Amino acid sequence: MGSRYGGLKQIDPVGPAGETVLDYGVYDAIRAGFTRVVFVIRKEFEEEFRTKVTAKYSGRIAVDFVFQSTADLPEGFSVPAGREKPWGTGHAVWCARKAVNGPFAVINADDFYGASSYAQLAAFLAKARGAQFAIVGFKLSNTLSENGTVSRGICSENGRFLASIREDKAIALADVGPGGRLTGDERVSMNFWGFTPEVFAGLEWGLRTFLTAAGSDPKAEFYLPSAISDMITAGSATVEVIPSAESWFGITYKEDKARVASAIEVLVKDGTYPGNLFQTLSF
């Protein structure tokens, strides 16, 4: 919704030829072997997304839309009075259950994860079976904003597997490093996941539990990290942690845009990306 940003940051250009952060994600996904992209959006954004985003992908990758509606709920539940905002990231992924029938990745449209992150996750998904999931983890100190606090999911690990995620909703630069409450070396989730379709049954179970306990709260949200943590605790899924050495960057605040544009400019100059993605983007 871009409440802190002041608009639809997912379609705000940051690249030299007008590319968005999302465009670089799709480009990296195609290079890693992904062949289809499903956008989960609100219905009122459909026309804007079709004209400003997906028209660029025509002939390059298959595109589908899923609409996150507050009324799309498991059987037996209905929208309570006063509910206006979407139900959260866990619900957003669950809304794609009819559009996805194979292993898939989940990303935030305003986060830049880096080419090798997609390649690593694609390799995992090629061999994933059953409820074997994965998360790409980033170093906390590489995911902060100079323009305000950020919310991050701090990962606890059991060997190479995720044990749980603790949400820290207000991390500032001053909180990290010597004298801070965090070291900066913590592994964090940036909502870059790898799933098989088995995740949808787990999400529905979690969504039902959430709606029973907190569905009447007009501001409560069903978060994807919490839902996956509950599956781990219940023993119904495993989540392998894939450490990424990439430099993550994203747009939370309006002031972040200039920093992201500068970082992309460097990657274009060193040859990591072409100066115009859509002159080279193909299957």
Protein backbone atom coordinates (compact mmCIF):
# COMPACT_ATOMS: atom_id res chain seq x y z
CA MET A 1 0.00 0.00 0.00
CA GLY A 2 3.03 2.26 0.37
CA SER A 3 1.72 4.14 3.41
CA ARG A 4 5.17 5.29 4.53
CA TYR A 5 6.34 5.85 0.97
CA GLY A 6 3.39 7.94 -0.12
CA GLY A 7 2.36 5.94 -3.20
CA LEU A 8 2.85 2.74 -5.19
CA LYS A 9 6.58 2.28 -4.73
CA GLN A 10 6.43 -1.04 -6.61
CA ILE A 11 6.04 0.81 -9.92
CA ASP A 12 8.27 3.82 -9.23
CA PRO A 13 11.23 3.85 -11.70
CA VAL A 14 14.79 3.58 -10.32
CA GLY A 15 16.80 2.22 -13.29
CA PRO A 16 18.49 4.17 -16.09
CA ALA A 17 15.79 3.22 -18.62
CA GLY A 18 12.88 3.59 -16.21
CA GLU A 19 13.12 0.12 -14.67
CA THR A 20 11.52 -0.57 -11.29
CA VAL A 21 13.04 -2.67 -8.51
CA LEU A 22 10.47 -5.30 -9.46
CA ASP A 23 11.78 -5.35 -13.04
CA TYR A 24 15.24 -6.33 -11.79
CA GLY A 25 13.67 -9.11 -9.74
CA VAL A 26 11.82 -10.50 -12.75
CA TYR A 27 14.98 -10.21 -14.86
CA ASP A 28 17.02 -12.14 -12.29
CA ALA A 29 14.25 -14.74 -11.93
CA ILE A 30 14.19 -15.36 -15.70
CA ARG A 31 17.97 -15.78 -15.73
CA ALA A 32 17.66 -18.30 -12.88
CA GLY A 33 15.13 -20.40 -14.81
CA PHE A 34 11.74 -19.19 -13.58
CA THR A 35 9.19 -19.16 -16.41
CA ARG A 36 6.10 -17.50 -14.91
CA VAL A 37 5.29 -14.63 -12.59
CA VAL A 38 2.09 -14.23 -10.56
CA PHE A 39 1.36 -10.76 -9.21
CA VAL A 40 -0.72 -10.62 -6.03
CA ILE A 41 -2.33 -7.18 -5.99
CA ARG A 42 -5.48 -5.39 -4.99
CA LYS A 43 -8.13 -5.27 -7.70
CA GLU A 44 -8.10 -1.46 -7.89
CA PHE A 45 -4.44 -1.51 -8.99
CA GLU A 46 -5.01 -3.91 -11.90
CA GLU A 47 -5.16 -1.38 -14.74
CA GLU A 48 -2.12 0.52 -13.50
CA PHE A 49 -0.10 -2.70 -13.14
CA ARG A 50 -1.10 -3.93 -16.58
CA THR A 51 -0.09 -0.71 -18.32
CA LYS A 52 2.99 0.22 -16.28
CA VAL A 53 4.41 -3.18 -15.35
CA THR A 54 3.25 -6.28 -17.17
CA ALA A 55 3.09 -4.78 -20.67
CA LYS A 56 6.91 -4.73 -20.56
CA TYR A 57 7.04 -8.50 -19.99
CA SER A 58 4.96 -9.44 -23.03
CA GLY A 59 6.73 -12.20 -24.95
CA ARG A 60 9.39 -12.50 -22.25
CA ILE A 61 7.68 -14.35 -19.39
CA ALA A 62 4.17 -15.61 -18.71
CA VAL A 63 2.20 -13.32 -16.41
CA ASP A 64 -0.88 -13.90 -14.25
CA PHE A 65 -2.74 -11.83 -11.68
CA VAL A 66 -4.25 -12.82 -8.35
CA PHE A 67 -6.33 -10.33 -6.40
CA GLN A 68 -6.00 -10.18 -2.63
CA SER A 69 -9.52 -9.55 -1.44
CA THR A 70 -10.55 -9.25 2.19
CA ALA A 71 -13.52 -11.48 1.30
CA ASP A 72 -11.31 -14.37 0.11
CA LEU A 73 -11.39 -16.47 3.27
CA PRO A 74 -11.61 -20.16 4.18
CA GLU A 75 -15.07 -21.68 4.19
CA GLY A 76 -17.04 -20.77 7.29
CA PHE A 77 -15.46 -17.34 7.77
CA SER A 78 -16.70 -13.93 6.67
CA VAL A 79 -15.36 -10.38 6.74
CA PRO A 80 -16.11 -8.81 10.14
CA ALA A 81 -17.60 -5.33 10.41
CA GLY A 82 -14.99 -2.58 10.23
CA ARG A 83 -12.40 -4.61 8.29
CA GLU A 84 -10.98 -2.55 5.42
CA LYS A 85 -7.27 -3.39 5.02
CA PRO A 86 -5.92 -6.64 3.52
CA TRP A 87 -5.25 -9.58 5.83
CA GLY A 88 -1.43 -9.55 5.50
CA THR A 89 1.36 -11.34 3.65
CA GLY A 90 0.37 -14.87 4.70
CA HIS A 91 -3.11 -14.28 3.31
CA ALA A 92 -1.62 -12.75 0.13
CA VAL A 93 0.29 -15.96 -0.64
CA TRP A 94 -2.72 -18.13 0.23
CA CYS A 95 -4.79 -16.13 -2.28
CA ALA A 96 -2.52 -17.55 -5.04
CA ARG A 97 -3.44 -21.15 -4.21
CA LYS A 98 -5.50 -21.64 -7.41
CA ALA A 99 -2.91 -19.99 -9.67
CA VAL A 100 0.18 -21.93 -8.55
CA ASN A 101 0.63 -25.68 -9.01
CA GLY A 102 4.40 -26.16 -8.80
CA PRO A 103 7.42 -25.05 -6.77
CA PHE A 104 7.58 -21.27 -6.55
CA ALA A 105 9.37 -18.31 -4.99
CA VAL A 106 7.79 -15.47 -3.04
CA ILE A 107 9.30 -11.98 -3.15
CA ASN A 108 8.43 -8.46 -2.09
CA ALA A 109 7.98 -6.29 -5.17
CA ASP A 110 10.01 -3.42 -3.69
CA ASP A 111 13.07 -5.43 -2.58
CA PHE A 112 16.25 -6.06 -4.60
CA TYR A 113 17.67 -9.49 -3.74
CA GLY A 114 20.48 -9.99 -6.28
CA ALA A 115 20.97 -12.48 -9.10
CA SER A 116 22.75 -15.20 -7.11
CA SER A 117 19.91 -15.28 -4.55
CA TYR A 118 17.47 -16.29 -7.29
CA ALA A 119 19.90 -18.85 -8.69
CA GLN A 120 20.40 -20.44 -5.26
CA LEU A 121 16.68 -20.62 -4.60
CA ALA A 122 15.95 -22.02 -8.06
CA ALA A 123 18.46 -24.81 -7.42
CA PHE A 124 16.71 -25.65 -4.15
CA LEU A 125 13.25 -25.67 -5.71
CA ALA A 126 14.40 -28.00 -8.48
CA LYS A 127 14.82 -30.77 -5.89
CA ALA A 128 12.25 -29.77 -3.23
CA ARG A 129 9.62 -32.37 -2.38
CA GLY A 130 6.63 -32.30 -0.07
CA ALA A 131 6.70 -29.65 2.63
CA GLN A 132 10.39 -28.84 2.07
CA PHE A 133 10.64 -25.07 1.97
CA ALA A 134 13.48 -22.54 1.99
CA ILE A 135 14.22 -18.97 2.96
CA VAL A 136 16.99 -16.73 1.63
CA GLY A 137 18.60 -15.01 4.62
CA PHE A 138 20.45 -11.69 4.55
CA LYS A 139 22.87 -10.07 6.97
CA LEU A 140 20.99 -7.52 9.10
CA SER A 141 23.58 -4.77 8.71
CA ASN A 142 23.07 -4.93 4.93
CA THR A 143 19.31 -4.37 5.13
CA LEU A 144 18.89 -1.09 7.03
CA SER A 145 17.63 2.31 5.93
CA GLU A 146 19.35 5.62 6.60
CA ASN A 147 15.95 7.30 6.57
CA GLY A 148 14.10 5.65 9.45
CA THR A 149 13.36 2.45 11.30
CA VAL A 150 12.63 -0.84 9.53
CA SER A 151 10.86 -4.04 10.48
CA ARG A 152 12.91 -7.21 10.16
CA GLY A 153 12.35 -10.89 10.90
CA ILE A 154 15.30 -12.16 12.96
CA CYS A 155 16.00 -15.81 12.12
CA SER A 156 16.90 -18.47 14.67
CA GLU A 157 18.57 -21.48 13.08
CA ASN A 158 18.95 -25.16 13.92
CA GLY A 159 21.87 -26.27 11.81
CA ARG A 160 21.02 -25.34 8.25
CA PHE A 161 17.30 -25.15 9.01
CA LEU A 162 15.11 -22.33 10.27
CA ALA A 163 13.87 -22.78 13.85
CA SER A 164 11.78 -19.62 14.15
CA ILE A 165 11.49 -15.97 13.13
CA ARG A 166 11.14 -13.16 15.64
CA GLU A 167 9.69 -9.94 14.27
CA ASP A 168 11.53 -6.78 15.33
CA LYS A 169 9.32 -3.93 14.18
CA ALA A 170 11.61 -0.93 14.78
CA ILE A 171 15.31 -1.28 13.97
CA ALA A 172 17.36 1.87 13.40
CA LEU A 173 21.00 2.23 12.38
CA ALA A 174 21.84 3.23 15.96
CA ASP A 175 20.56 -0.14 17.21
CA VAL A 176 23.21 -2.06 15.29
CA GLY A 177 26.91 -2.48 15.98
CA PRO A 178 29.09 -1.55 18.98
CA GLY A 179 26.90 -0.29 21.80
CA GLY A 180 23.71 -1.31 20.02
CA ARG A 181 21.21 -3.97 21.00
CA LEU A 182 21.98 -5.96 17.83
CA THR A 183 25.34 -6.95 16.34
CA GLY A 184 24.37 -6.56 12.69
CA ASP A 185 25.46 -10.12 11.90
CA GLU A 186 22.02 -11.54 12.59
CA ARG A 187 20.40 -13.40 9.71
CA VAL A 188 17.13 -11.78 8.72
CA SER A 189 14.21 -12.61 6.49
CA MET A 190 13.41 -10.20 3.68
CA ASN A 191 10.38 -12.27 2.63
CA PHE A 192 12.25 -14.19 -0.04
CA TRP A 193 10.90 -17.72 0.24
CA GLY A 194 10.85 -20.96 -1.74
CA PHE A 195 7.76 -23.16 -1.42
CA THR A 196 6.07 -26.19 -2.89
CA PRO A 197 2.26 -26.16 -3.26
CA GLU A 198 2.02 -28.00 0.08
CA VAL A 199 2.42 -24.61 1.74
CA PHE A 200 -1.17 -23.68 0.88
CA ALA A 201 -2.67 -26.30 3.19
CA GLY A 202 -0.44 -25.08 6.02
CA LEU A 203 -1.38 -21.48 5.34
CA GLU A 204 -5.08 -22.31 5.40
CA TRP A 205 -4.66 -24.08 8.73
CA GLY A 206 -2.82 -21.03 10.08
CA LEU A 207 -5.34 -18.61 8.61
CA ARG A 208 -8.22 -20.44 10.24
CA THR A 209 -6.44 -20.34 13.58
CA PHE A 210 -5.66 -16.65 13.14
CA LEU A 211 -9.22 -15.72 12.16
CA THR A 212 -10.66 -17.61 15.12
CA ALA A 213 -8.35 -15.83 17.56
CA ALA A 214 -7.95 -12.35 16.06
CA GLY A 215 -10.29 -12.03 13.10
CA SER A 216 -12.46 -9.44 14.83
CA ASP A 217 -9.49 -7.06 15.23
CA PRO A 218 -9.75 -4.67 12.23
CA LYS A 219 -5.97 -4.12 12.23
CA ALA A 220 -4.69 -7.66 12.86
CA GLU A 221 -2.66 -9.21 10.02
CA PHE A 222 -1.77 -12.79 9.15
CA TYR A 223 1.97 -12.53 8.50
CA LEU A 224 3.79 -15.06 6.33
CA PRO A 225 6.84 -15.45 8.64
CA SER A 226 4.62 -16.18 11.64
CA ALA A 227 2.60 -18.69 9.65
CA ILE A 228 5.71 -20.55 8.52
CA SER A 229 7.14 -20.48 12.05
CA ASP A 230 3.94 -22.14 13.28
CA MET A 231 4.32 -24.88 10.65
CA ILE A 232 7.88 -25.50 11.82
CA THR A 233 6.76 -25.70 15.45
CA ALA A 234 3.98 -28.11 14.51
CA GLY A 235 6.47 -30.30 12.65
CA SER A 236 4.52 -30.03 9.39
CA ALA A 237 7.30 -28.36 7.37
CA THR A 238 11.03 -27.83 7.21
CA VAL A 239 12.65 -24.60 6.01
CA GLU A 240 16.23 -24.62 4.80
CA VAL A 241 18.13 -21.36 5.30
CA ILE A 242 20.01 -20.23 2.18
CA PRO A 243 22.57 -17.57 3.16
CA SER A 244 22.90 -14.84 0.56
CA ALA A 245 26.09 -12.85 0.09
CA GLU A 246 24.23 -10.32 -2.06
CA SER A 247 23.83 -6.71 -1.06
CA TRP A 248 20.12 -6.28 -0.46
CA PHE A 249 18.45 -2.93 -0.93
CA GLY A 250 14.87 -1.80 -1.00
CA ILE A 251 12.47 1.10 -0.79
CA THR A 252 10.70 1.78 2.47
CA TYR A 253 10.78 5.58 2.56
CA LYS A 254 10.62 8.11 -0.27
CA GLU A 255 14.19 9.12 0.55
CA ASP A 256 15.41 5.56 -0.11
CA LYS A 257 14.76 5.93 -3.84
CA ALA A 258 17.93 7.96 -4.55
CA ARG A 259 20.13 5.40 -2.74
CA VAL A 260 18.56 2.52 -4.66
CA ALA A 261 18.97 4.33 -7.98
CA SER A 262 22.65 4.97 -7.19
CA ALA A 263 23.23 1.32 -6.26
CA ILE A 264 21.66 0.15 -9.52
CA GLU A 265 23.73 2.67 -11.47
CA VAL A 266 26.88 1.07 -10.04
CA LEU A 267 25.66 -2.41 -11.03
CA VAL A 268 24.96 -1.21 -14.55
CA LYS A 269 28.38 0.41 -14.86
CA ASP A 270 30.18 -2.76 -13.72
CA GLY A 271 28.24 -4.86 -16.23
CA THR A 272 26.08 -6.80 -13.78
CA TYR A 273 22.96 -5.49 -15.54
CA PRO A 274 22.44 -3.95 -18.99
CA GLY A 275 21.58 -0.28 -19.30
CA ASN A 276 18.14 -1.23 -20.60
CA LEU A 277 16.66 -4.47 -19.28
CA PHE A 278 13.95 -4.64 -21.90
CA GLN A 279 16.32 -4.69 -24.84
CA THR A 280 17.75 -7.98 -23.56
CA LEU A 281 15.05 -9.52 -21.34
CA SER A 282 13.90 -12.83 -22.83
CA PHE A 283 13.07 -16.41 -21.94
